[in-house]
Amino acid sequence: MRVKVISRVEEDYTRECKTDALRVHRNLDPELRPMQRATEYKRALNAVKLDKVFAKPLVGQFGGHADGVLCMAKSPTSLTELVSGDASGEIRIWDVPSRKTLRILSGHRGATRGVCVSKDGKLVVSCGDDATVRLWTLPKAQMGDMSDPTRKIPKVTTTAVWQQDNGFRDCDAHWGKNEFATAGATVQVWNMERGKPMHTFEWGVDTVLSVRWNPVESDIFASCGTDRSVALYDVRMETPLRKIIMQTKSTKLCWNPMEAFNFTVANEDTNLYSYDMRKMDIATCVHKDFVNTVMDIDYSPTGREFVAGSYDRTIRIFDYNAGHSKDCYHTKRMQRVFCTRFSMDGTYVFSASDDFNIRCWKADASAQLGTLSAREKRKHQYNASLKDRFKHMPEIRRIANHHHVPKAIHKATKLRRTMQDAETRKAKRRVAHAAPGAEKKEFKPARKKKILAEVE
């Protein structure tokens, strides 16, 4: 009788079916690998350096507008559609993969200040300086539309028009209903099937600059005004909830889509401030690095990062809880940035500027585009884990935080740092040389210093 002898190696790799995991024997004794941490540190250092080498964030630009692009909106149901409005009143529907115009919406006689897309992605709401709110039906493009180079871009007429006495500055569609809110002389809530606003909110402000619905708490929205206020509203009540008065004016506001109570405002003092709506007497985080007014902000769908654009002709990407930006994008031809948006999959960033262009950027500057093999995916995941593990090491932190910026911005940053250091020294000396207890109440942290009052 012949007996088959199975070696130990063959026995270890014997499986009942292909889906069974392979049994791997490893000795985890650290004495057998004394250089393991040094090896992983070197790999992390190389990964950070390669990220800088392969950083090519600009994907392309959308050309076609005849004036500065002031507003943008993304469709909640489609990754390939983008809506933009310019200072001439023209609104364009873009096909993102081909970067071509699908439709042109013509009707506004002044600058288009706000545009938004309904929850089902079939309607577009726009408002502008001509004191009108317009509703558009968004037709779907045919498959052959983009293939013909001689095609004519079809124009879409207005479905409904609402006229008011004053111009509008912004609009935002509700996340779950056929409703939208507008910002202008007052804050108004509209139903897309009615001719008059459902609710009107006033709180002693000349002009409201921005309005945004909360994506989680669907009855709550917030606004920013020219009186330096940031106000909260609830449509179930006839009066606003509360507001805070800051030292400088806030231009735009955006809610964190994954955290119902948190939002971030873009301010004229070059900073962004994150707040918790339950405790608004102190900011949860102050985001710095810009050297001029921050014009717009938009969160990633994951809620872990956001993008902001500034009057200093750059856009920056921040982690939701970081005080400084993790990346800075700019080009020689890009002018003042008026609007920024994250794509609905969090992969790309769109910026609209004063040079008539919309630019598409990668959210991760060194990300590899296209279809990745399983081996490439594992390699990227391994490098990401190494960079996260060693991110506090001095050399890795220095390389990761270094950004090439234009010379003018570099000089302005040094000047601002010098001024801030002088202010800090002056405050400390006043406290040190004043009478006991006289100046301590004036020394406030940065998260509380910009808030003047809270009104309920």
Protein backbone atom coordinates (compact mmCIF):
# COMPACT_ATOMS: atom_id res chain seq x y z
CA MET A 1 0.00 0.00 0.00
CA ARG A 2 1.48 3.33 -1.11
CA VAL A 3 1.08 6.28 1.26
CA LYS A 4 1.40 9.84 -0.04
CA VAL A 5 3.62 12.05 2.13
CA ILE A 6 2.53 15.71 2.31
CA SER A 7 5.25 18.18 3.19
CA ARG A 8 4.68 20.88 5.79
CA VAL A 9 4.68 23.65 3.16
CA GLU A 10 2.13 21.80 1.03
CA GLU A 11 -0.02 21.18 4.11
CA ASP A 12 -0.03 24.91 5.02
CA TYR A 13 -1.29 25.92 1.60
CA THR A 14 -3.93 23.20 1.31
CA ARG A 15 -7.41 24.77 1.04
CA GLU A 16 -10.83 23.29 0.64
CA CYS A 17 -11.81 25.89 -1.96
CA LYS A 18 -10.31 28.89 -3.73
CA THR A 19 -12.03 31.44 -1.49
CA ASP A 20 -10.35 30.21 1.69
CA ALA A 21 -7.64 32.43 3.08
CA LEU A 22 -4.08 31.19 2.90
CA ARG A 23 -2.51 30.23 6.19
CA VAL A 24 0.62 32.29 6.71
CA HIS A 25 3.01 31.56 9.58
CA ARG A 26 4.80 34.64 10.92
CA ASN A 27 7.00 35.11 13.88
CA LEU A 28 6.18 38.57 15.27
CA ASP A 29 9.13 38.70 17.61
CA PRO A 30 10.59 42.23 17.21
CA GLU A 31 14.09 40.97 17.89
CA LEU A 32 14.06 39.17 14.53
CA ARG A 33 13.47 42.51 12.70
CA PRO A 34 15.44 45.19 14.55
CA MET A 35 15.28 47.62 11.57
CA GLN A 36 11.55 47.35 10.88
CA ARG A 37 10.62 50.82 12.18
CA ALA A 38 13.56 52.45 10.40
CA THR A 39 12.56 50.73 7.16
CA GLU A 40 8.96 51.91 7.43
CA TYR A 41 10.08 55.45 8.27
CA LYS A 42 12.22 55.51 5.12
CA ARG A 43 9.30 54.24 3.06
CA ALA A 44 7.04 56.95 4.54
CA LEU A 45 9.65 59.61 3.75
CA ASN A 46 9.90 58.39 0.15
CA ALA A 47 6.11 58.33 -0.17
CA VAL A 48 5.81 61.96 0.97
CA LYS A 49 8.56 63.03 -1.45
CA LEU A 50 6.92 61.18 -4.34
CA ASP A 51 3.62 62.91 -3.57
CA LYS A 52 5.33 66.25 -4.19
CA VAL A 53 7.02 64.94 -7.34
CA PHE A 54 3.79 63.64 -8.89
CA ALA A 55 1.57 66.51 -7.71
CA LYS A 56 -0.29 67.71 -10.82
CA PRO A 57 -3.65 68.88 -9.51
CA LEU A 58 -5.06 70.75 -12.53
CA VAL A 59 -7.26 68.49 -14.68
CA GLY A 60 -8.69 71.02 -17.12
CA GLN A 61 -10.74 74.17 -17.60
CA PHE A 62 -14.28 74.91 -18.79
CA GLY A 63 -14.23 77.80 -21.29
CA GLY A 64 -17.29 79.58 -22.69
CA HIS A 65 -18.48 82.27 -20.30
CA ALA A 66 -18.25 85.87 -21.49
CA ASP A 67 -17.84 87.40 -18.02
CA GLY A 68 -16.60 86.53 -14.54
CA VAL A 69 -18.20 83.39 -13.10
CA LEU A 70 -19.90 84.28 -9.81
CA CYS A 71 -21.75 81.12 -8.74
CA MET A 72 -21.84 77.37 -9.25
CA ALA A 73 -24.03 74.44 -8.25
CA LYS A 74 -23.65 70.68 -8.46
CA SER A 75 -26.43 68.19 -9.13
CA PRO A 76 -27.25 65.90 -6.16
CA THR A 77 -28.20 63.08 -8.56
CA SER A 78 -25.49 63.26 -11.22
CA LEU A 79 -21.70 63.31 -11.14
CA THR A 80 -21.42 64.65 -14.69
CA GLU A 81 -23.49 67.85 -14.47
CA LEU A 82 -22.34 71.25 -13.23
CA VAL A 83 -24.28 74.54 -13.31
CA SER A 84 -22.59 77.96 -13.39
CA GLY A 85 -23.74 81.57 -13.66
CA ASP A 86 -21.74 84.65 -14.66
CA ALA A 87 -21.89 88.42 -14.29
CA SER A 88 -23.61 88.84 -17.68
CA GLY A 89 -26.64 86.83 -16.55
CA GLU A 90 -25.87 83.70 -18.58
CA ILE A 91 -26.20 80.27 -16.96
CA ARG A 92 -24.51 77.20 -18.43
CA ILE A 93 -25.01 73.49 -17.84
CA TRP A 94 -21.72 71.64 -18.22
CA ASP A 95 -20.83 68.04 -19.01
CA VAL A 96 -17.91 67.44 -16.66
CA PRO A 97 -16.16 64.51 -18.45
CA SER A 98 -16.00 66.31 -21.79
CA ARG A 99 -15.81 69.85 -20.26
CA LYS A 100 -18.34 71.11 -22.82
CA THR A 101 -21.57 73.08 -22.50
CA LEU A 102 -24.78 71.06 -22.63
CA ARG A 103 -27.34 73.86 -22.33
CA ILE A 104 -27.44 77.65 -22.00
CA LEU A 105 -30.10 79.23 -19.78
CA SER A 106 -30.75 82.82 -20.89
CA GLY A 107 -33.15 85.13 -19.07
CA HIS A 108 -31.44 87.25 -16.42
CA ARG A 109 -30.79 90.89 -17.34
CA GLY A 110 -28.17 91.43 -14.63
CA ALA A 111 -25.48 89.42 -12.89
CA THR A 112 -26.47 85.94 -11.74
CA ARG A 113 -25.65 85.85 -8.02
CA GLY A 114 -27.00 82.45 -6.99
CA VAL A 115 -27.88 79.13 -8.59
CA CYS A 116 -28.97 75.78 -7.12
CA VAL A 117 -30.33 72.40 -8.28
CA SER A 118 -33.42 70.72 -6.83
CA LYS A 119 -33.24 67.48 -4.84
CA ASP A 120 -34.24 65.31 -7.85
CA GLY A 121 -31.80 67.05 -10.21
CA LYS A 122 -34.55 68.08 -12.67
CA LEU A 123 -34.99 71.78 -11.82
CA VAL A 124 -32.57 74.70 -11.57
CA VAL A 125 -33.29 77.83 -9.51
CA SER A 126 -31.36 81.04 -10.17
CA CYS A 127 -31.47 84.60 -8.85
CA GLY A 128 -29.63 87.80 -9.56
CA ASP A 129 -29.34 91.56 -9.56
CA ASP A 130 -32.43 92.00 -11.76
CA ALA A 131 -34.62 91.20 -8.71
CA THR A 132 -36.02 88.01 -10.25
CA VAL A 133 -35.96 84.37 -9.24
CA ARG A 134 -36.19 82.02 -12.21
CA LEU A 135 -37.07 78.33 -12.37
CA TRP A 136 -35.70 76.22 -15.21
CA THR A 137 -36.49 72.66 -16.28
CA LEU A 138 -33.25 70.80 -16.82
CA PRO A 139 -33.47 68.54 -19.91
CA LYS A 140 -31.23 65.53 -20.21
CA ALA A 141 -28.64 65.58 -22.96
CA GLN A 142 -28.71 62.89 -25.63
CA MET A 143 -25.79 60.52 -26.06
CA GLY A 144 -24.87 61.97 -29.47
CA ASP A 145 -24.88 65.58 -28.36
CA MET A 146 -21.21 65.72 -27.39
CA SER A 147 -19.78 63.81 -30.36
CA ASP A 148 -20.61 66.36 -33.07
CA PRO A 149 -18.03 69.19 -33.15
CA THR A 150 -20.35 71.45 -35.20
CA ARG A 151 -23.35 71.09 -32.92
CA LYS A 152 -25.27 74.13 -31.74
CA ILE A 153 -25.75 74.51 -28.01
CA PRO A 154 -29.53 74.58 -27.35
CA LYS A 155 -30.98 77.38 -25.22
CA VAL A 156 -33.58 76.74 -22.53
CA THR A 157 -36.38 79.16 -21.66
CA THR A 158 -37.61 79.98 -18.18
CA THR A 159 -40.34 77.81 -16.66
CA ALA A 160 -41.42 80.30 -13.96
CA VAL A 161 -40.39 83.80 -12.84
CA TRP A 162 -40.88 85.51 -9.47
CA GLN A 163 -40.37 89.28 -9.33
CA GLN A 164 -39.36 91.20 -6.17
CA ASP A 165 -38.48 94.81 -5.33
CA ASN A 166 -34.82 94.20 -4.47
CA GLY A 167 -32.01 92.18 -5.98
CA PHE A 168 -30.97 88.76 -4.68
CA ARG A 169 -27.53 87.68 -3.48
CA ASP A 170 -27.85 83.92 -3.06
CA CYS A 171 -30.22 80.94 -3.16
CA ASP A 172 -30.13 77.36 -1.93
CA ALA A 173 -32.42 74.39 -2.57
CA HIS A 174 -33.89 72.26 0.22
CA TRP A 175 -32.37 68.80 0.55
CA GLY A 176 -35.68 66.94 0.87
CA LYS A 177 -38.53 69.14 -0.41
CA ASN A 178 -39.38 71.21 -3.48
CA GLU A 179 -38.46 74.37 -1.60
CA PHE A 180 -35.63 76.86 -1.74
CA ALA A 181 -34.43 79.89 0.22
CA THR A 182 -33.23 83.21 -1.16
CA ALA A 183 -31.02 85.90 0.37
CA GLY A 184 -31.36 89.59 -0.39
CA ALA A 185 -32.99 92.43 1.50
CA THR A 186 -34.67 89.66 3.56
CA VAL A 187 -34.45 85.89 3.87
CA GLN A 188 -37.36 84.21 2.07
CA VAL A 189 -38.44 80.57 1.79
CA TRP A 190 -40.23 79.62 -1.43
CA ASN A 191 -42.15 76.65 -2.75
CA MET A 192 -41.47 75.83 -6.40
CA GLU A 193 -45.21 75.47 -7.06
CA ARG A 194 -46.36 78.75 -5.50
CA GLY A 195 -46.16 82.33 -6.69
CA LYS A 196 -45.32 83.98 -3.36
CA PRO A 197 -42.80 83.21 -0.62
CA MET A 198 -43.98 80.93 2.19
CA HIS A 199 -41.88 82.60 4.92
CA THR A 200 -40.05 85.91 5.23
CA PHE A 201 -37.46 86.52 7.96
CA GLU A 202 -36.02 89.90 8.94
CA TRP A 203 -33.58 90.77 11.70
CA GLY A 204 -32.34 94.33 11.25
CA VAL A 205 -29.87 93.72 8.43
CA ASP A 206 -29.49 95.66 5.18
CA THR A 207 -28.50 92.78 2.93
CA VAL A 208 -28.17 89.03 3.47
CA LEU A 209 -25.21 87.66 1.51
CA SER A 210 -25.53 83.89 1.83
CA VAL A 211 -28.10 81.29 2.86
CA ARG A 212 -27.64 77.52 3.28
CA TRP A 213 -29.98 74.70 4.33
CA ASN A 214 -28.81 72.15 6.87
CA PRO A 215 -28.52 68.78 5.05
CA VAL A 216 -29.32 66.80 8.22
CA GLU A 217 -31.69 68.96 10.27
CA SER A 218 -33.94 69.74 7.31
CA ASP A 219 -35.95 72.56 8.97
CA ILE A 220 -32.91 74.67 9.90
CA PHE A 221 -30.90 77.01 7.73
CA ALA A 222 -28.31 79.75 8.31
CA SER A 223 -27.36 83.04 6.72
CA CYS A 224 -24.60 85.67 6.66
CA GLY A 225 -25.35 89.40 6.51
CA THR A 226 -23.67 92.71 5.84
CA ASP A 227 -24.08 93.68 9.51
CA ARG A 228 -21.34 91.08 10.28
CA SER A 229 -23.94 88.63 11.60
CA VAL A 230 -24.27 84.86 11.27
CA ALA A 231 -27.90 83.91 11.95
CA LEU A 232 -29.81 80.65 12.41
CA TYR A 233 -33.43 80.12 11.36
CA ASP A 234 -36.08 77.44 11.85
CA VAL A 235 -38.98 77.32 9.36
CA ARG A 236 -41.22 75.89 12.10
CA MET A 237 -40.94 79.23 13.91
CA GLU A 238 -41.85 82.68 12.62
CA THR A 239 -38.77 84.34 14.10
CA PRO A 240 -35.02 83.58 13.74
CA LEU A 241 -33.37 81.46 16.43
CA ARG A 242 -30.15 83.30 17.28
CA LYS A 243 -27.23 85.11 15.72
CA ILE A 244 -23.70 86.19 16.52
CA ILE A 245 -22.04 89.48 15.59
CA MET A 246 -18.40 89.23 14.47
CA GLN A 247 -15.76 91.91 14.03
CA THR A 248 -15.71 91.54 10.24
CA LYS A 249 -18.24 90.48 7.64
CA SER A 250 -18.75 86.84 6.65
CA THR A 251 -19.21 86.19 2.93
CA LYS A 252 -20.34 82.55 2.65
CA LEU A 253 -21.44 79.67 4.87
CA CYS A 254 -21.50 75.89 4.50
CA TRP A 255 -22.77 73.08 6.74
CA ASN A 256 -20.82 69.92 7.45
CA PRO A 257 -22.88 67.21 5.65
CA MET A 258 -21.97 64.51 8.18
CA GLU A 259 -22.26 66.51 11.41
CA ALA A 260 -25.67 68.11 11.85
CA PHE A 261 -24.64 70.90 14.23
CA ASN A 262 -21.37 72.13 12.72
CA PHE A 263 -20.86 74.75 10.02
CA THR A 264 -18.02 76.91 8.72
CA VAL A 265 -18.12 80.54 7.60
CA ALA A 266 -15.73 82.33 5.23
CA ASN A 267 -14.76 85.74 6.56
CA GLU A 268 -13.31 88.98 5.23
CA ASP A 269 -10.43 88.85 7.72
CA THR A 270 -8.78 86.09 5.60
CA ASN A 271 -9.80 83.31 8.02
CA LEU A 272 -12.52 80.68 8.20
CA TYR A 273 -14.35 79.91 11.43
CA SER A 274 -16.06 76.64 12.34
CA TYR A 275 -18.93 76.77 14.83
CA ASP A 276 -21.19 74.42 16.72
CA MET A 277 -24.74 75.79 16.51
CA ARG A 278 -25.42 74.64 20.09
CA LYS A 279 -22.60 76.78 21.50
CA MET A 280 -21.86 79.76 19.29
CA ASP A 281 -20.02 81.94 21.78
CA ILE A 282 -16.72 80.32 20.74
CA ALA A 283 -15.45 78.87 17.47
CA THR A 284 -14.48 75.21 17.40
CA CYS A 285 -11.60 75.94 15.00
CA VAL A 286 -9.98 78.87 13.18
CA HIS A 287 -8.65 78.01 9.72
CA LYS A 288 -5.82 80.25 8.52
CA ASP A 289 -3.42 80.69 5.56
CA PHE A 290 -5.22 83.02 3.12
CA VAL A 291 -3.92 86.57 2.74
CA ASN A 292 -7.11 88.19 1.42
CA THR A 293 -10.89 87.91 1.74
CA VAL A 294 -12.26 84.36 1.59
CA MET A 295 -15.03 84.33 -1.01
CA ASP A 296 -16.56 80.85 -0.88
CA ILE A 297 -16.45 77.47 0.87
CA ASP A 298 -17.82 74.00 0.19
CA TYR A 299 -17.55 70.74 2.12
CA SER A 300 -16.65 67.36 0.73
CA PRO A 301 -19.50 64.78 0.87
CA THR A 302 -17.47 62.89 3.46
CA GLY A 303 -17.43 65.89 5.81
CA ARG A 304 -13.71 65.38 6.51
CA GLU A 305 -12.39 68.28 4.41
CA PHE A 306 -13.52 71.41 2.65
CA VAL A 307 -12.31 73.71 -0.12
CA ALA A 308 -12.23 77.51 0.01
CA GLY A 309 -11.44 80.16 -2.58
CA SER A 310 -10.08 83.62 -1.92
CA TYR A 311 -9.63 87.05 -3.44
CA ASP A 312 -5.87 86.37 -3.39
CA ARG A 313 -6.30 84.12 -6.48
CA THR A 314 -5.73 80.78 -4.73
CA ILE A 315 -7.87 77.94 -3.49
CA ARG A 316 -6.96 75.86 -0.45
CA ILE A 317 -8.11 72.52 0.91
CA PHE A 318 -8.46 72.14 4.68
CA ASP A 319 -9.18 69.24 6.97
CA TYR A 320 -12.37 69.95 8.90
CA ASN A 321 -10.46 70.28 12.20
CA ALA A 322 -7.11 71.68 10.98
CA GLY A 323 -5.93 75.22 11.52
CA HIS A 324 -3.83 75.34 8.34
CA SER A 325 -4.43 74.16 4.77
CA LYS A 326 -3.06 70.88 3.52
CA ASP A 327 -2.84 72.03 -0.11
CA CYS A 328 -2.81 75.26 -2.12
CA TYR A 329 -3.78 75.44 -5.82
CA HIS A 330 -3.04 78.36 -8.13
CA THR A 331 -2.12 79.15 -11.74
CA LYS A 332 -0.57 82.17 -13.39
CA ARG A 333 -3.75 83.00 -15.30
CA MET A 334 -6.30 82.37 -12.56
CA GLN A 335 -7.70 85.59 -11.13
CA ARG A 336 -9.88 86.30 -8.09
CA VAL A 337 -11.78 83.16 -7.11
CA PHE A 338 -15.49 83.77 -6.50
CA CYS A 339 -16.81 80.23 -6.08
CA THR A 340 -15.57 76.73 -5.19
CA ARG A 341 -17.30 73.35 -5.14
CA PHE A 342 -16.45 69.74 -4.30
CA SER A 343 -17.71 67.05 -6.66
CA MET A 344 -20.37 64.72 -5.28
CA ASP A 345 -17.87 61.83 -5.08
CA GLY A 346 -15.23 63.93 -3.30
CA THR A 347 -12.62 63.25 -6.01
CA TYR A 348 -12.50 66.62 -7.75
CA VAL A 349 -12.71 70.33 -6.89
CA PHE A 350 -14.16 73.06 -9.11
CA SER A 351 -13.20 76.73 -8.91
CA ALA A 352 -14.80 79.68 -10.72
CA SER A 353 -12.81 82.89 -11.11
CA ASP A 354 -12.89 86.38 -12.57
CA ASP A 355 -11.06 85.32 -15.75
CA PHE A 356 -14.26 83.79 -17.26
CA ASN A 357 -13.08 80.23 -16.53
CA ILE A 358 -14.06 77.26 -14.40
CA ARG A 359 -11.21 74.96 -13.47
CA CYS A 360 -11.31 71.32 -12.40
CA TRP A 361 -8.71 70.13 -9.88
CA LYS A 362 -7.94 66.85 -8.20
CA ALA A 363 -8.85 66.84 -4.51
CA ASP A 364 -5.65 64.85 -3.94
CA ALA A 365 -2.94 66.56 -5.97
CA SER A 366 -0.87 63.41 -6.51
CA ALA A 367 -3.78 60.99 -6.99
CA GLN A 368 -3.39 58.49 -9.84
CA LEU A 369 -6.26 58.80 -12.29
CA GLY A 370 -7.75 55.95 -14.28
CA THR A 371 -8.43 52.33 -13.41
CA LEU A 372 -6.06 50.93 -10.79
CA SER A 373 -5.05 47.31 -10.42
CA ALA A 374 -5.43 45.56 -7.09
CA ARG A 375 -1.69 45.77 -6.55
CA GLU A 376 -1.67 49.54 -7.14
CA LYS A 377 -4.56 50.02 -4.72
CA ARG A 378 -2.76 48.07 -2.00
CA LYS A 379 0.39 50.11 -2.59
CA HIS A 380 -1.49 53.43 -2.25
CA GLN A 381 -3.25 52.22 0.90
CA TYR A 382 0.05 51.09 2.41
CA ASN A 383 1.71 54.44 1.64
CA ALA A 384 -1.25 56.33 3.10
CA SER A 385 -1.04 54.34 6.33
CA LEU A 386 2.71 54.95 6.57
CA LYS A 387 2.30 58.70 6.05
CA ASP A 388 -0.39 58.82 8.71
CA ARG A 389 1.75 56.84 11.13
CA PHE A 390 4.83 59.05 10.77
CA LYS A 391 3.12 62.38 10.04
CA HIS A 392 4.44 63.94 13.27
CA MET A 393 8.09 63.28 12.44
CA PRO A 394 9.88 66.61 11.75
CA GLU A 395 11.24 65.81 8.28
CA ILE A 396 7.99 64.28 7.01
CA ARG A 397 5.92 67.11 8.46
CA ARG A 398 8.19 69.72 6.86
CA ILE A 399 7.91 68.17 3.40
CA ALA A 400 4.15 67.56 3.63
CA ASN A 401 3.37 71.10 4.80
CA HIS A 402 5.52 72.90 2.25
CA HIS A 403 3.61 74.57 -0.62
CA HIS A 404 4.92 76.63 -3.50
CA VAL A 405 2.89 79.84 -3.66
CA PRO A 406 3.19 82.98 -5.82
CA LYS A 407 5.78 85.52 -4.73
CA ALA A 408 3.19 88.15 -3.83
CA ILE A 409 1.35 85.75 -1.53
CA HIS A 410 4.62 84.62 0.07
CA LYS A 411 5.52 88.24 0.88
CA ALA A 412 2.04 89.01 2.16
CA THR A 413 2.17 85.94 4.41
CA LYS A 414 5.48 87.07 5.95
CA LEU A 415 4.10 90.56 6.50
CA ARG A 416 0.94 89.24 8.18
CA ARG A 417 3.01 86.99 10.42
CA THR A 418 5.17 89.94 11.45
CA MET A 419 2.10 92.05 12.25
CA GLN A 420 0.44 89.26 14.25
CA ASP A 421 3.63 88.65 16.25
CA ALA A 422 3.84 92.36 17.05
CA GLU A 423 0.21 92.40 18.24
CA THR A 424 0.83 89.36 20.44
CA ARG A 425 3.95 90.93 21.99
CA LYS A 426 2.07 94.15 22.64
CA ALA A 427 -0.80 92.33 24.37
CA LYS A 428 1.60 90.35 26.55
CA ARG A 429 3.50 93.48 27.58
CA ARG A 430 0.30 95.30 28.44
CA VAL A 431 -0.67 92.42 30.71
CA ALA A 432 2.81 92.23 32.26
CA HIS A 433 3.11 95.95 33.06
CA ALA A 434 -0.49 96.73 34.02
CA ALA A 435 -1.94 96.82 37.51
CA PRO A 436 -2.77 93.38 38.94
CA GLY A 437 -5.89 92.00 37.27
CA ALA A 438 -6.52 95.10 35.12
CA GLU A 439 -5.72 93.74 31.63
CA LYS A 440 -6.32 90.00 31.98
CA LYS A 441 -9.96 90.25 30.91
CA GLU A 442 -8.91 91.76 27.54
CA PHE A 443 -6.66 88.84 26.62
CA LYS A 444 -8.94 86.47 24.63
CA PRO A 445 -8.13 83.34 22.64
CA ALA A 446 -8.31 83.52 18.84
CA ARG A 447 -11.44 81.35 18.77
CA LYS A 448 -13.35 83.86 20.90
CA LYS A 449 -11.67 87.15 20.01
CA LYS A 450 -13.63 87.81 16.79
CA ILE A 451 -17.09 87.35 18.36
CA LEU A 452 -18.52 90.60 19.66
CA ALA A 453 -21.99 89.51 20.81
CA GLU A 454 -24.52 86.69 20.73
CA VAL A 455 -28.19 87.64 20.27
CA GLU A 456 -31.17 85.35 20.81
